[in-house]
């Protein structure tokens, strides 16, 4: 099972919380909006990705599973 973290760029308000909680995957542009290194989440970062998605104040992060 592969997990993916996706950003709804319209909903995102650029607060940068995802980059703070998941720096291995998410970086910020100059305005604080997320730049994803990859959308695939390794198993060892799954708990951090879930925390980042749950903590997003704009609900702009979505964690999905694909077979």
C-alpha atoms as a PDB file:
ATOM      1  CA  UNK A   1       0.000   0.000   0.000  1.00  0.00           C
ATOM      2  CA  UNK A   2       1.378   3.406  -1.005  1.00  0.00           C
ATOM      3  CA  UNK A   3       0.415   6.573   0.844  1.00  0.00           C
ATOM      4  CA  UNK A   4       0.317   9.956  -0.889  1.00  0.00           C
ATOM      5  CA  UNK A   5       0.117  13.426   0.602  1.00  0.00           C
ATOM      6  CA  UNK A   6      -1.611  15.945  -1.627  1.00  0.00           C
ATOM      7  CA  UNK A   7      -2.032  19.707  -1.231  1.00  0.00           C
ATOM      8  CA  UNK A   8      -5.161  21.581  -2.250  1.00  0.00           C
ATOM      9  CA  UNK A   9      -3.398  24.714  -3.468  1.00  0.00           C
ATOM     10  CA  UNK A  10      -6.634  26.701  -3.560  1.00  0.00           C
ATOM     11  CA  UNK A  11      -7.482  25.923   0.078  1.00  0.00           C
ATOM     12  CA  UNK A  12      -3.911  26.386   1.344  1.00  0.00           C
ATOM     13  CA  UNK A  13      -3.305  29.654   3.196  1.00  0.00           C
ATOM     14  CA  UNK A  14       0.495  29.326   3.346  1.00  0.00           C
ATOM     15  CA  UNK A  15       0.974  29.115   7.096  1.00  0.00           C
ATOM     16  CA  UNK A  16       3.845  26.635   6.772  1.00  0.00           C
ATOM     17  CA  UNK A  17       2.763  24.229   9.498  1.00  0.00           C
ATOM     18  CA  UNK A  18       3.146  21.251   7.147  1.00  0.00           C
ATOM     19  CA  UNK A  19       6.766  22.191   6.473  1.00  0.00           C
ATOM     20  CA  UNK A  20       7.426  22.399  10.208  1.00  0.00           C
ATOM     21  CA  UNK A  21       5.825  19.013  10.915  1.00  0.00           C
ATOM     22  CA  UNK A  22       7.148  17.164   7.859  1.00  0.00           C
ATOM     23  CA  UNK A  23      10.418  18.846   6.776  1.00  0.00           C
ATOM     24  CA  UNK A  24      11.657  15.663   5.095  1.00  0.00           C
ATOM     25  CA  UNK A  25       8.940  16.012   2.431  1.00  0.00           C
ATOM     26  CA  UNK A  26       7.634  19.586   2.522  1.00  0.00           C
ATOM     27  CA  UNK A  27       9.562  22.790   1.960  1.00  0.00           C
ATOM     28  CA  UNK A  28       8.161  26.319   1.699  1.00  0.00           C
ATOM     29  CA  UNK A  29       8.299  28.839  -1.089  1.00  0.00           C
ATOM     30  CA  UNK A  30       9.013  32.481  -0.324  1.00  0.00           C
ATOM     31  CA  UNK A  31       5.348  33.097   0.633  1.00  0.00           C
ATOM     32  CA  UNK A  32       5.052  30.078   2.951  1.00  0.00           C
ATOM     33  CA  UNK A  33       3.217  27.793   0.520  1.00  0.00           C
ATOM     34  CA  UNK A  34       4.271  24.142   0.421  1.00  0.00           C
ATOM     35  CA  UNK A  35       6.671  22.683  -2.106  1.00  0.00           C
ATOM     36  CA  UNK A  36       6.494  18.901  -2.019  1.00  0.00           C
ATOM     37  CA  UNK A  37       9.680  16.941  -2.708  1.00  0.00           C
ATOM     38  CA  UNK A  38       7.436  13.968  -3.472  1.00  0.00           C
ATOM     39  CA  UNK A  39       3.820  13.044  -2.831  1.00  0.00           C
ATOM     40  CA  UNK A  40       4.740   9.457  -1.843  1.00  0.00           C
ATOM     41  CA  UNK A  41       5.089   9.035   1.882  1.00  0.00           C
ATOM     42  CA  UNK A  42       7.579   6.440   3.126  1.00  0.00           C
ATOM     43  CA  UNK A  43       6.321   4.124   5.837  1.00  0.00           C
ATOM     44  CA  UNK A  44       8.677   5.644   8.439  1.00  0.00           C
ATOM     45  CA  UNK A  45       7.149   9.110   7.889  1.00  0.00           C
ATOM     46  CA  UNK A  46       3.516   8.010   7.810  1.00  0.00           C
ATOM     47  CA  UNK A  47       2.761   9.070  11.398  1.00  0.00           C
ATOM     48  CA  UNK A  48       4.280  12.513  10.751  1.00  0.00           C
ATOM     49  CA  UNK A  49       2.288  12.861   7.515  1.00  0.00           C
ATOM     50  CA  UNK A  50      -0.934  11.996   9.351  1.00  0.00           C
ATOM     51  CA  UNK A  51      -0.116  14.588  12.021  1.00  0.00           C
ATOM     52  CA  UNK A  52       0.601  17.244   9.387  1.00  0.00           C
ATOM     53  CA  UNK A  53      -2.670  16.549   7.550  1.00  0.00           C
ATOM     54  CA  UNK A  54      -4.645  16.641  10.806  1.00  0.00           C
ATOM     55  CA  UNK A  55      -2.967  19.860  11.959  1.00  0.00           C
ATOM     56  CA  UNK A  56      -3.457  21.839   8.738  1.00  0.00           C
ATOM     57  CA  UNK A  57      -5.569  24.860   9.726  1.00  0.00           C
ATOM     58  CA  UNK A  58      -6.997  25.190   6.200  1.00  0.00           C
ATOM     59  CA  UNK A  59      -7.623  21.434   5.765  1.00  0.00           C
ATOM     60  CA  UNK A  60      -5.557  21.681   2.585  1.00  0.00           C
ATOM     61  CA  UNK A  61      -3.591  18.438   3.098  1.00  0.00           C
ATOM     62  CA  UNK A  62      -5.043  15.064   2.257  1.00  0.00           C
ATOM     63  CA  UNK A  63      -3.408  11.716   2.900  1.00  0.00           C
ATOM     64  CA  UNK A  64      -4.579   8.942   0.587  1.00  0.00           C
ATOM     65  CA  UNK A  65      -3.798   5.244   0.117  1.00  0.00           C
ATOM     66  CA  UNK A  66      -3.398   3.470  -3.179  1.00  0.00           C
ATOM     67  CA  UNK A  67      -2.767  -0.219  -3.770  1.00  0.00           C
END
